[in-house]
Every structure is written in C-alpha cells, then in structure tokens.
C-alpha atoms as a PDB file:
ATOM      1  CA  MET A   1      -3.812 -17.655  17.350  1.00  0.00           C
ATOM      2  CA  ARG A   2      -3.301 -15.788  14.061  1.00  0.00           C
ATOM      3  CA  THR A   3      -6.182 -15.443  11.659  1.00  0.00           C
ATOM      4  CA  ASN A   4      -5.942 -15.260   7.869  1.00  0.00           C
ATOM      5  CA  VAL A   5      -6.384 -11.493   8.089  1.00  0.00           C
ATOM      6  CA  ASP A   6      -3.548 -11.183  10.628  1.00  0.00           C
ATOM      7  CA  ALA A   7      -1.304 -13.057   8.188  1.00  0.00           C
ATOM      8  CA  LEU A   8      -1.660 -10.149   5.701  1.00  0.00           C
ATOM      9  CA  VAL A   9       0.312  -7.770   7.944  1.00  0.00           C
ATOM     10  CA  GLY A  10       3.818  -7.372   6.512  1.00  0.00           C
ATOM     11  CA  LYS A  11       2.884  -8.616   3.034  1.00  0.00           C
ATOM     12  CA  LYS A  12       3.270  -6.548  -0.095  1.00  0.00           C
ATOM     13  CA  ALA A  13       0.346  -5.449  -2.247  1.00  0.00           C
ATOM     14  CA  ARG A  14      -0.113  -3.495  -5.490  1.00  0.00           C
ATOM     15  CA  VAL A  15      -2.300  -0.390  -5.512  1.00  0.00           C
ATOM     16  CA  THR A  16      -5.063  -0.908  -8.097  1.00  0.00           C
ATOM     17  CA  ALA A  17      -6.820   2.472  -7.606  1.00  0.00           C
ATOM     18  CA  GLU A  18      -5.130   5.568  -6.185  1.00  0.00           C
ATOM     19  CA  ILE A  19      -5.290   5.697  -2.399  1.00  0.00           C
ATOM     20  CA  ASP A  20      -6.559   9.033  -1.104  1.00  0.00           C
ATOM     21  CA  ASN A  21      -7.686   9.085   2.520  1.00  0.00           C
ATOM     22  CA  ASP A  22      -9.287  12.539   2.174  1.00  0.00           C
ATOM     23  CA  GLU A  23     -11.544  11.266  -0.626  1.00  0.00           C
ATOM     24  CA  ALA A  24     -12.084   7.912   1.151  1.00  0.00           C
ATOM     25  CA  ARG A  25     -10.974   5.904  -1.880  1.00  0.00           C
ATOM     26  CA  GLY A  26      -8.336   3.424  -2.911  1.00  0.00           C
ATOM     27  CA  THR A  27      -7.849  -0.283  -3.438  1.00  0.00           C
ATOM     28  CA  ALA A  28      -4.962  -2.724  -3.366  1.00  0.00           C
ATOM     29  CA  MET A  29      -4.506  -6.299  -4.568  1.00  0.00           C
ATOM     30  CA  VAL A  30      -2.910  -8.935  -2.340  1.00  0.00           C
ATOM     31  CA  SER A  31      -2.930 -12.698  -2.808  1.00  0.00           C
ATOM     32  CA  GLY A  32      -5.352 -12.379  -5.716  1.00  0.00           C
ATOM     33  CA  GLN A  33      -7.951 -10.423  -3.709  1.00  0.00           C
ATOM     34  CA  GLU A  34      -8.791  -6.735  -4.015  1.00  0.00           C
ATOM     35  CA  TRP A  35      -9.205  -4.833  -0.744  1.00  0.00           C
ATOM     36  CA  THR A  36     -10.189  -1.296   0.155  1.00  0.00           C
ATOM     37  CA  ALA A  37      -6.972   0.436   1.220  1.00  0.00           C
ATOM     38  CA  ARG A  38      -5.951   3.535   3.150  1.00  0.00           C
ATOM     39  CA  SER A  39      -2.556   5.160   3.630  1.00  0.00           C
ATOM     40  CA  ALA A  40      -0.957   4.757   7.063  1.00  0.00           C
ATOM     41  CA  ASP A  41       0.514   8.282   6.969  1.00  0.00           C
ATOM     42  CA  GLY A  42      -2.320   9.985   5.078  1.00  0.00           C
ATOM     43  CA  SER A  43      -0.323  10.538   1.880  1.00  0.00           C
ATOM     44  CA  ARG A  44      -1.752   9.802  -1.560  1.00  0.00           C
ATOM     45  CA  ILE A  45      -0.420   6.633  -3.139  1.00  0.00           C
ATOM     46  CA  PRO A  46      -0.687   6.306  -6.938  1.00  0.00           C
ATOM     47  CA  ARG A  47      -1.967   3.296  -8.846  1.00  0.00           C
ATOM     48  CA  ASP A  48       0.585   0.506  -9.497  1.00  0.00           C
ATOM     49  CA  THR A  49       2.694   1.474  -6.457  1.00  0.00           C
ATOM     50  CA  MET A  50       3.922  -1.425  -4.346  1.00  0.00           C
ATOM     51  CA  VAL A  51       2.908  -1.048  -0.705  1.00  0.00           C
ATOM     52  CA  GLN A  52       3.418  -2.972   2.511  1.00  0.00           C
ATOM     53  CA  ILE A  53       0.445  -3.833   4.702  1.00  0.00           C
ATOM     54  CA  GLN A  54       0.863  -2.299   8.167  1.00  0.00           C
ATOM     55  CA  ALA A  55      -2.502  -3.322   9.624  1.00  0.00           C
ATOM     56  CA  VAL A  56      -6.013  -4.452   8.789  1.00  0.00           C
ATOM     57  CA  SER A  57      -8.880  -2.331  10.106  1.00  0.00           C
ATOM     58  CA  GLY A  58     -12.210  -4.064   9.556  1.00  0.00           C
ATOM     59  CA  VAL A  59     -12.249  -4.671   5.798  1.00  0.00           C
ATOM     60  CA  LYS A  60      -9.569  -2.073   4.974  1.00  0.00           C
ATOM     61  CA  LEU A  61      -5.843  -2.511   4.519  1.00  0.00           C
ATOM     62  CA  ILE A  62      -3.678   0.155   6.140  1.00  0.00           C
ATOM     63  CA  VAL A  63      -0.602   0.451   3.924  1.00  0.00           C
ATOM     64  CA  SER A  64       2.617   2.388   3.381  1.00  0.00           C
ATOM     65  CA  LYS A  65       4.881   2.655   0.337  1.00  0.00           C
ATOM     66  CA  CYS A  66       7.551  -0.040   0.155  1.00  0.00           C
ATOM     67  CA  LYS A  67      10.940   1.298   1.195  1.00  0.00           C
ATOM     68  CA  GLU A  68      12.653  -0.482  -1.726  1.00  0.00           C
ATOM     69  CA  GLN A  69      10.474   1.376  -4.215  1.00  0.00           C
ATOM     70  CA  LEU A  70      11.264   4.725  -2.581  1.00  0.00           C
ATOM     71  CA  SER A  71      15.026   4.133  -2.686  1.00  0.00           C
ATOM     72  CA  VAL A  72      14.926   3.099  -6.366  1.00  0.00           C
ATOM     73  CA  PHE A  73      12.893   6.209  -7.198  1.00  0.00           C
ATOM     74  CA  LEU A  74      15.295   8.482  -5.313  1.00  0.00           C
ATOM     75  CA  SER A  75      18.398   6.966  -6.906  1.00  0.00           C
ATOM     76  CA  LEU A  76      16.883   7.272 -10.400  1.00  0.00           C
ATOM     77  CA  ARG A  77      15.872  10.841  -9.698  1.00  0.00           C
ATOM     78  CA  LEU A  78      19.367  11.764  -8.472  1.00  0.00           C
ATOM     79  CA  TRP A  79      20.938  10.120 -11.515  1.00  0.00           C
ATOM     80  CA  TYR A  80      18.555  11.825 -13.955  1.00  0.00           C
ATOM     81  CA  PHE A  81      18.904  15.333 -12.529  1.00  0.00           C
END
C-alpha cells in the first residue's frame, strides 16, 4: 500500500532555498507544501531549480536536478559560447 509520502517519489519540485548538504540546509516546494530537501548526489542546487524527488527520508526530500533542465542549460551554453 502506497502512502501519501510514497506518492511524492518521481514528482517534480522547485527549490525555494539553496540545497547544500554540507551546511544541512535547503527547501523545496511540492504540491503547495514546503519540505526540507537534500541533494541525492551531494551537489549544491540553487534556488528556483526544478528537481525530481528520488526518495523521502523522514521529513526530508532527497532530490536531483531534472534532466530536462540540465539539457536546456547545456544547449544554451553551447549556443552562447
């Protein structure tokens, strides 16, 4: 049986405060609720970045940057330079 928390896995969220695992800080907004968030790979994730929820650990979202956002950034960067 899936719980409401389990249903968050795979959803997208917006980072509302920079995620920095080393400083133990960061938040993300999903479905109108703000959650504490941590990066799945330990990288910093800036505010307003779209992320995908990989897991929920207690009251923290474990997230990674959305692949679509990375590909758009890389294509814009290649075009600009």
